[in-house]
Amino acid sequence: MVINLKRFKQGKQSRGFMSMFGGSAGGQKLDLHVDFPLDGLDMSKYVIGKEAQGQNMLYDCYAVSNHYGNMGFGHYTAYAKNPTTDKWYEFDDSRVQQISEEKLINTVVTDAAYNLFYRRRDWHEKNKAEGIDFDKMAIKPDM
């Protein structure tokens, strides 16, 4: 499940030079803090239908994309959780680093969060238990 947080507000249209680059006349970036859970997002009260009745609707976050900057210029980073080790990593251009458990919440849940990626807990646990080889499925760069 992907949740997209609305981070841009379109304002009055402007034809000025600065509006092309995110100037104040064309719109604004919304940097409001959205508190979202990394584990145990319960979607059961939002799902209807007989297929959903009695189902486990707990979702765990496994990735977050971030946007820093304004409407015209910006920088994207991401956080993702390794499916086999359950360790979180920060991706920023050519740099990747593991996030310590102590800093996890304050590092991943920020005002820059833009897209939240969740997987249903019971399905992921079933895949791991049945021996899905996540490393075999991974796309790895040529070295």
N, C-alpha and C. Protein backbone atom coordinates (compact mmCIF):
# COMPACT_ATOMS: atom_id res chain seq x y z
N MET A 1 0.85 -1.15 0.00
CA MET A 1 0.00 0.00 0.00
C MET A 1 0.91 1.23 0.00
N VAL A 2 0.59 2.19 -0.85
CA VAL A 2 1.37 3.43 -0.93
C VAL A 2 0.48 4.59 -0.50
N ILE A 3 0.98 5.39 0.42
CA ILE A 3 0.28 6.59 0.87
C ILE A 3 1.10 7.78 0.42
N ASN A 4 0.46 8.66 -0.35
CA ASN A 4 1.12 9.87 -0.84
C ASN A 4 0.64 11.04 0.00
N LEU A 5 1.56 11.74 0.65
CA LEU A 5 1.21 12.91 1.45
C LEU A 5 1.25 14.15 0.56
N LYS A 6 0.19 14.91 0.59
CA LYS A 6 0.13 16.13 -0.22
C LYS A 6 1.11 17.14 0.36
N ARG A 7 2.17 17.40 -0.35
CA ARG A 7 3.22 18.30 0.13
C ARG A 7 3.30 19.60 -0.65
N PHE A 8 2.43 19.77 -1.65
CA PHE A 8 2.49 20.99 -2.45
C PHE A 8 1.10 21.60 -2.53
N LYS A 9 1.04 22.91 -2.39
CA LYS A 9 -0.22 23.64 -2.46
C LYS A 9 -0.12 24.62 -3.61
N GLN A 10 -1.00 24.47 -4.57
CA GLN A 10 -0.98 25.36 -5.72
C GLN A 10 -1.70 26.65 -5.37
N GLY A 11 -1.04 27.76 -5.61
CA GLY A 11 -1.63 29.07 -5.33
C GLY A 11 -2.15 29.71 -6.59
N LYS A 12 -2.33 31.01 -6.53
CA LYS A 12 -2.77 31.78 -7.68
C LYS A 12 -1.74 31.64 -8.80
N GLN A 13 -2.21 31.43 -10.01
CA GLN A 13 -1.30 31.28 -11.15
C GLN A 13 -0.53 32.57 -11.39
N SER A 14 0.72 32.42 -11.70
CA SER A 14 1.56 33.58 -11.97
C SER A 14 2.37 33.30 -13.22
N ARG A 15 2.68 34.35 -13.95
CA ARG A 15 3.47 34.19 -15.17
C ARG A 15 4.88 34.74 -14.99
N GLY A 16 5.21 35.12 -13.79
CA GLY A 16 6.52 35.70 -13.53
C GLY A 16 7.63 34.65 -13.56
N PHE A 17 8.83 35.14 -13.67
CA PHE A 17 10.01 34.28 -13.73
C PHE A 17 10.12 33.35 -12.52
N MET A 18 9.91 33.88 -11.32
CA MET A 18 10.08 33.08 -10.11
C MET A 18 9.04 31.97 -10.00
N SER A 19 7.86 32.13 -10.61
CA SER A 19 6.84 31.09 -10.51
C SER A 19 7.29 29.80 -11.18
N MET A 20 8.18 29.90 -12.17
CA MET A 20 8.68 28.69 -12.83
C MET A 20 9.57 27.88 -11.89
N PHE A 21 10.11 28.50 -10.88
CA PHE A 21 11.07 27.84 -10.00
C PHE A 21 10.57 27.75 -8.57
N GLY A 22 9.26 27.71 -8.39
CA GLY A 22 8.71 27.52 -7.05
C GLY A 22 8.63 28.78 -6.23
N GLY A 23 8.64 29.93 -6.88
CA GLY A 23 8.51 31.19 -6.16
C GLY A 23 7.17 31.28 -5.47
N SER A 24 7.02 32.22 -4.57
CA SER A 24 5.82 32.29 -3.74
C SER A 24 4.55 32.56 -4.52
N ALA A 25 4.61 33.12 -5.71
CA ALA A 25 3.39 33.44 -6.45
C ALA A 25 2.71 32.19 -7.01
N GLY A 26 3.45 31.12 -7.30
CA GLY A 26 2.87 29.95 -7.95
C GLY A 26 2.37 28.87 -7.02
N GLY A 27 2.81 28.83 -5.82
CA GLY A 27 2.40 27.78 -4.89
C GLY A 27 3.40 27.67 -3.76
N GLN A 28 3.17 26.69 -2.91
CA GLN A 28 4.10 26.55 -1.79
C GLN A 28 4.25 25.08 -1.41
N LYS A 29 5.36 24.80 -0.78
CA LYS A 29 5.65 23.48 -0.26
C LYS A 29 5.07 23.39 1.14
N LEU A 30 4.42 22.29 1.45
CA LEU A 30 3.84 22.07 2.78
C LEU A 30 4.78 21.18 3.58
N ASP A 31 5.36 21.70 4.63
CA ASP A 31 6.29 20.95 5.46
C ASP A 31 5.69 20.59 6.81
N LEU A 32 4.39 20.36 6.85
CA LEU A 32 3.74 20.01 8.10
C LEU A 32 4.17 18.62 8.55
N HIS A 33 4.30 18.44 9.85
CA HIS A 33 4.69 17.14 10.37
C HIS A 33 3.49 16.20 10.35
N VAL A 34 3.66 15.04 9.76
CA VAL A 34 2.65 13.99 9.76
C VAL A 34 3.24 12.82 10.54
N ASP A 35 2.60 12.49 11.63
CA ASP A 35 3.08 11.38 12.46
C ASP A 35 2.49 10.09 11.91
N PHE A 36 3.33 9.19 11.45
CA PHE A 36 2.86 7.93 10.89
C PHE A 36 3.61 6.78 11.56
N PRO A 37 2.93 5.65 11.75
CA PRO A 37 3.58 4.52 12.42
C PRO A 37 4.50 3.76 11.47
N LEU A 38 5.61 3.29 11.99
CA LEU A 38 6.47 2.41 11.19
C LEU A 38 5.99 0.97 11.29
N ASP A 39 5.35 0.63 12.39
CA ASP A 39 4.84 -0.74 12.58
C ASP A 39 3.40 -0.69 13.06
N GLY A 40 2.60 -1.63 12.56
CA GLY A 40 1.26 -1.84 13.09
C GLY A 40 0.20 -0.84 12.68
N LEU A 41 0.24 -0.35 11.44
CA LEU A 41 -0.85 0.51 10.96
C LEU A 41 -2.07 -0.38 10.74
N ASP A 42 -3.10 -0.19 11.55
CA ASP A 42 -4.30 -1.03 11.49
C ASP A 42 -5.31 -0.42 10.53
N MET A 43 -5.53 -1.08 9.40
CA MET A 43 -6.45 -0.59 8.38
C MET A 43 -7.81 -1.29 8.42
N SER A 44 -8.06 -2.13 9.42
CA SER A 44 -9.27 -2.94 9.46
C SER A 44 -10.56 -2.11 9.45
N LYS A 45 -10.57 -0.96 10.07
CA LYS A 45 -11.80 -0.16 10.09
C LYS A 45 -12.05 0.59 8.79
N TYR A 46 -11.08 0.57 7.87
CA TYR A 46 -11.23 1.26 6.59
C TYR A 46 -11.51 0.31 5.43
N VAL A 47 -11.48 -0.99 5.68
CA VAL A 47 -11.67 -1.99 4.62
C VAL A 47 -13.04 -2.61 4.78
N ILE A 48 -13.79 -2.64 3.68
CA ILE A 48 -15.12 -3.24 3.73
C ILE A 48 -15.18 -4.43 2.78
N GLY A 49 -16.19 -5.25 2.95
CA GLY A 49 -16.39 -6.39 2.07
C GLY A 49 -16.15 -7.69 2.79
N LYS A 50 -16.78 -8.73 2.30
CA LYS A 50 -16.68 -10.02 2.96
C LYS A 50 -15.27 -10.60 2.91
N GLU A 51 -14.48 -10.24 1.90
CA GLU A 51 -13.11 -10.74 1.81
C GLU A 51 -12.24 -10.23 2.96
N ALA A 52 -12.56 -9.04 3.46
CA ALA A 52 -11.76 -8.42 4.51
C ALA A 52 -12.18 -8.85 5.91
N GLN A 53 -13.38 -9.39 6.06
CA GLN A 53 -13.87 -9.75 7.39
C GLN A 53 -13.01 -10.84 8.00
N GLY A 54 -12.58 -10.60 9.20
CA GLY A 54 -11.75 -11.56 9.90
C GLY A 54 -10.30 -11.60 9.45
N GLN A 55 -9.92 -10.73 8.53
CA GLN A 55 -8.54 -10.70 8.03
C GLN A 55 -7.68 -9.80 8.90
N ASN A 56 -6.42 -10.12 8.95
CA ASN A 56 -5.44 -9.29 9.65
C ASN A 56 -5.09 -8.14 8.73
N MET A 57 -5.42 -6.94 9.12
CA MET A 57 -5.17 -5.77 8.28
C MET A 57 -4.10 -4.86 8.89
N LEU A 58 -3.06 -5.47 9.46
CA LEU A 58 -1.93 -4.70 10.00
C LEU A 58 -0.87 -4.54 8.91
N TYR A 59 -0.43 -3.31 8.76
CA TYR A 59 0.59 -2.98 7.76
C TYR A 59 1.80 -2.39 8.45
N ASP A 60 2.97 -2.73 7.92
CA ASP A 60 4.23 -2.20 8.43
C ASP A 60 4.92 -1.41 7.34
N CYS A 61 5.48 -0.28 7.71
CA CYS A 61 6.18 0.57 6.76
C CYS A 61 7.52 -0.09 6.40
N TYR A 62 7.84 -0.08 5.10
CA TYR A 62 9.13 -0.62 4.69
C TYR A 62 9.94 0.37 3.87
N ALA A 63 9.34 1.52 3.52
CA ALA A 63 10.10 2.54 2.79
C ALA A 63 9.39 3.88 2.88
N VAL A 64 10.20 4.95 2.81
CA VAL A 64 9.69 6.32 2.82
C VAL A 64 10.54 7.11 1.84
N SER A 65 9.87 7.86 0.95
CA SER A 65 10.62 8.81 0.12
C SER A 65 10.40 10.19 0.69
N ASN A 66 11.41 11.03 0.58
CA ASN A 66 11.40 12.37 1.16
C ASN A 66 11.66 13.42 0.09
N HIS A 67 11.14 14.61 0.31
CA HIS A 67 11.43 15.74 -0.57
C HIS A 67 11.86 16.92 0.29
N TYR A 68 13.01 17.47 -0.04
CA TYR A 68 13.53 18.67 0.63
C TYR A 68 13.59 19.78 -0.41
N GLY A 69 13.24 20.98 -0.03
CA GLY A 69 13.30 22.10 -0.96
C GLY A 69 11.94 22.71 -1.17
N ASN A 70 11.77 23.36 -2.35
CA ASN A 70 10.49 24.00 -2.64
C ASN A 70 9.90 23.42 -3.91
N MET A 71 8.89 24.06 -4.46
CA MET A 71 8.20 23.50 -5.62
C MET A 71 9.07 23.48 -6.87
N GLY A 72 9.99 24.37 -6.99
CA GLY A 72 10.80 24.45 -8.20
C GLY A 72 12.11 23.69 -8.12
N PHE A 73 12.67 23.66 -6.94
CA PHE A 73 13.95 22.97 -6.74
C PHE A 73 13.80 22.05 -5.55
N GLY A 74 14.50 20.98 -5.56
CA GLY A 74 14.42 20.10 -4.41
C GLY A 74 15.38 18.94 -4.52
N HIS A 75 15.36 18.17 -3.48
CA HIS A 75 16.25 17.02 -3.38
C HIS A 75 15.44 15.87 -2.79
N TYR A 76 15.58 14.69 -3.37
CA TYR A 76 14.88 13.52 -2.89
C TYR A 76 15.84 12.56 -2.19
N THR A 77 15.39 12.00 -1.10
CA THR A 77 16.12 10.93 -0.41
C THR A 77 15.11 9.83 -0.09
N ALA A 78 15.60 8.73 0.41
CA ALA A 78 14.70 7.63 0.76
C ALA A 78 15.24 6.86 1.95
N TYR A 79 14.32 6.21 2.64
CA TYR A 79 14.64 5.26 3.68
C TYR A 79 13.96 3.95 3.29
N ALA A 80 14.66 2.85 3.50
CA ALA A 80 14.07 1.54 3.17
C ALA A 80 14.57 0.50 4.16
N LYS A 81 13.71 -0.48 4.38
CA LYS A 81 13.99 -1.55 5.33
C LYS A 81 14.37 -2.80 4.57
N ASN A 82 15.52 -3.38 4.91
CA ASN A 82 15.95 -4.63 4.29
C ASN A 82 14.96 -5.74 4.67
N PRO A 83 14.38 -6.47 3.70
CA PRO A 83 13.35 -7.47 4.01
C PRO A 83 13.86 -8.71 4.73
N THR A 84 15.15 -8.96 4.70
CA THR A 84 15.67 -10.14 5.39
C THR A 84 16.26 -9.82 6.76
N THR A 85 16.89 -8.66 6.89
CA THR A 85 17.53 -8.31 8.17
C THR A 85 16.67 -7.38 9.02
N ASP A 86 15.66 -6.77 8.42
CA ASP A 86 14.80 -5.77 9.08
C ASP A 86 15.57 -4.54 9.55
N LYS A 87 16.71 -4.27 8.97
CA LYS A 87 17.49 -3.06 9.27
C LYS A 87 17.08 -1.96 8.30
N TRP A 88 17.01 -0.72 8.82
CA TRP A 88 16.66 0.44 8.00
C TRP A 88 17.92 1.09 7.44
N TYR A 89 17.79 1.62 6.20
CA TYR A 89 18.90 2.29 5.54
C TYR A 89 18.44 3.62 4.97
N GLU A 90 19.37 4.58 4.94
CA GLU A 90 19.12 5.87 4.32
C GLU A 90 19.83 5.91 2.97
N PHE A 91 19.10 6.34 1.94
CA PHE A 91 19.64 6.44 0.59
C PHE A 91 19.64 7.91 0.19
N ASP A 92 20.81 8.43 -0.14
CA ASP A 92 20.94 9.84 -0.52
C ASP A 92 21.98 9.93 -1.64
N ASP A 93 21.50 10.02 -2.86
CA ASP A 93 22.34 10.01 -4.05
C ASP A 93 23.23 8.77 -4.05
N SER A 94 24.54 8.93 -3.96
CA SER A 94 25.42 7.77 -4.02
C SER A 94 25.80 7.23 -2.64
N ARG A 95 25.19 7.76 -1.59
CA ARG A 95 25.52 7.35 -0.23
C ARG A 95 24.40 6.51 0.36
N VAL A 96 24.76 5.39 0.96
CA VAL A 96 23.81 4.54 1.68
C VAL A 96 24.40 4.24 3.04
N GLN A 97 23.57 4.42 4.08
CA GLN A 97 24.07 4.11 5.41
C GLN A 97 22.95 3.53 6.26
N GLN A 98 23.33 2.64 7.15
CA GLN A 98 22.36 2.03 8.05
C GLN A 98 21.94 3.04 9.13
N ILE A 99 20.68 2.98 9.53
CA ILE A 99 20.14 3.85 10.58
C ILE A 99 20.12 3.07 11.88
N SER A 100 20.65 3.65 12.93
CA SER A 100 20.67 2.96 14.21
C SER A 100 19.25 2.89 14.79
N GLU A 101 18.99 1.86 15.59
CA GLU A 101 17.67 1.67 16.21
C GLU A 101 17.30 2.86 17.10
N GLU A 102 18.29 3.44 17.77
CA GLU A 102 18.03 4.56 18.67
C GLU A 102 17.53 5.80 17.93
N LYS A 103 17.96 5.97 16.70
CA LYS A 103 17.61 7.17 15.93
C LYS A 103 16.52 6.91 14.89
N LEU A 104 15.98 5.71 14.85
CA LEU A 104 15.08 5.30 13.77
C LEU A 104 13.86 6.20 13.63
N ILE A 105 13.06 6.35 14.66
CA ILE A 105 11.82 7.12 14.57
C ILE A 105 12.09 8.57 14.18
N ASN A 106 13.04 9.22 14.85
CA ASN A 106 13.33 10.63 14.56
C ASN A 106 13.98 10.83 13.20
N THR A 107 14.59 9.80 12.66
CA THR A 107 15.23 9.90 11.35
C THR A 107 14.24 9.68 10.22
N VAL A 108 13.38 8.67 10.35
CA VAL A 108 12.48 8.28 9.26
C VAL A 108 11.18 9.09 9.25
N VAL A 109 10.61 9.35 10.42
CA VAL A 109 9.34 10.09 10.51
C VAL A 109 9.65 11.57 10.62
N THR A 110 9.68 12.26 9.47
CA THR A 110 10.07 13.68 9.44
C THR A 110 9.08 14.50 8.64
N ASP A 111 9.30 15.81 8.66
CA ASP A 111 8.47 16.75 7.89
C ASP A 111 8.70 16.62 6.39
N ALA A 112 9.73 15.92 5.98
CA ALA A 112 10.04 15.77 4.56
C ALA A 112 9.41 14.52 3.95
N ALA A 113 8.82 13.65 4.77
CA ALA A 113 8.21 12.42 4.25
C ALA A 113 7.17 12.75 3.19
N TYR A 114 7.22 12.05 2.08
CA TYR A 114 6.40 12.37 0.92
C TYR A 114 5.57 11.18 0.47
N ASN A 115 6.19 10.02 0.33
CA ASN A 115 5.50 8.78 -0.02
C ASN A 115 5.83 7.74 1.04
N LEU A 116 4.79 7.05 1.52
CA LEU A 116 4.96 6.01 2.53
C LEU A 116 4.60 4.67 1.91
N PHE A 117 5.47 3.69 2.06
CA PHE A 117 5.25 2.37 1.47
C PHE A 117 5.04 1.36 2.60
N TYR A 118 3.89 0.69 2.56
CA TYR A 118 3.53 -0.29 3.58
C TYR A 118 3.29 -1.65 2.96
N ARG A 119 3.57 -2.72 3.72
CA ARG A 119 3.23 -4.08 3.30
C ARG A 119 2.42 -4.73 4.40
N ARG A 120 1.52 -5.59 3.97
CA ARG A 120 0.68 -6.27 4.94
C ARG A 120 1.52 -7.26 5.71
N ARG A 121 1.48 -7.16 7.02
CA ARG A 121 2.36 -7.92 7.91
C ARG A 121 2.24 -9.43 7.71
N ASP A 122 1.02 -9.97 7.70
CA ASP A 122 0.88 -11.42 7.60
C ASP A 122 1.36 -11.95 6.26
N TRP A 123 1.19 -11.20 5.18
CA TRP A 123 1.68 -11.65 3.88
C TRP A 123 3.21 -11.66 3.85
N HIS A 124 3.83 -10.64 4.41
CA HIS A 124 5.30 -10.59 4.43
C HIS A 124 5.87 -11.72 5.29
N GLU A 125 5.26 -11.95 6.45
CA GLU A 125 5.73 -13.03 7.33
C GLU A 125 5.57 -14.39 6.65
N LYS A 126 4.48 -14.56 5.91
CA LYS A 126 4.26 -15.82 5.17
C LYS A 126 5.34 -16.01 4.10
N ASN A 127 5.65 -14.95 3.37
CA ASN A 127 6.69 -15.02 2.34
C ASN A 127 8.04 -15.39 2.95
N LYS A 128 8.37 -14.79 4.09
CA LYS A 128 9.64 -15.11 4.75
C LYS A 128 9.65 -16.56 5.23
N ALA A 129 8.53 -17.02 5.81
CA ALA A 129 8.45 -18.37 6.34
C ALA A 129 8.53 -19.42 5.24
N GLU A 130 7.99 -19.09 4.07
CA GLU A 130 8.01 -20.05 2.96
C GLU A 130 9.30 -20.03 2.18
N GLY A 131 10.24 -19.23 2.64
CA GLY A 131 11.56 -19.25 2.02
C GLY A 131 11.71 -18.40 0.78
N ILE A 132 10.97 -17.31 0.67
CA ILE A 132 11.18 -16.41 -0.46
C ILE A 132 12.60 -15.86 -0.37
N ASP A 133 13.36 -15.99 -1.44
CA ASP A 133 14.74 -15.52 -1.47
C ASP A 133 14.76 -14.08 -1.96
N PHE A 134 14.69 -13.12 -1.02
CA PHE A 134 14.67 -11.72 -1.38
C PHE A 134 15.96 -11.29 -2.07
N ASP A 135 17.09 -11.89 -1.68
CA ASP A 135 18.36 -11.55 -2.33
C ASP A 135 18.35 -11.95 -3.81
N LYS A 136 17.74 -13.08 -4.09
CA LYS A 136 17.66 -13.56 -5.49
C LYS A 136 16.78 -12.64 -6.34
N MET A 137 15.76 -12.05 -5.71
CA MET A 137 14.84 -11.17 -6.41
C MET A 137 15.42 -9.77 -6.59
N ALA A 138 16.42 -9.41 -5.82
CA ALA A 138 16.95 -8.04 -5.82
C ALA A 138 17.66 -7.73 -7.12
N ILE A 139 17.51 -6.49 -7.55
CA ILE A 139 18.24 -5.99 -8.70
C ILE A 139 19.51 -5.35 -8.17
N LYS A 140 20.63 -5.89 -8.56
CA LYS A 140 21.90 -5.41 -8.04
C LYS A 140 22.71 -4.78 -9.15
N PRO A 141 23.38 -3.66 -8.86
CA PRO A 141 24.18 -2.99 -9.89
C PRO A 141 25.39 -3.83 -10.27
N ASP A 142 25.79 -3.69 -11.54
CA ASP A 142 27.01 -4.34 -12.00
C ASP A 142 28.21 -3.67 -11.35
N MET A 143 29.12 -4.46 -10.88
CA MET A 143 30.32 -3.89 -10.24
C MET A 143 31.52 -4.06 -11.12
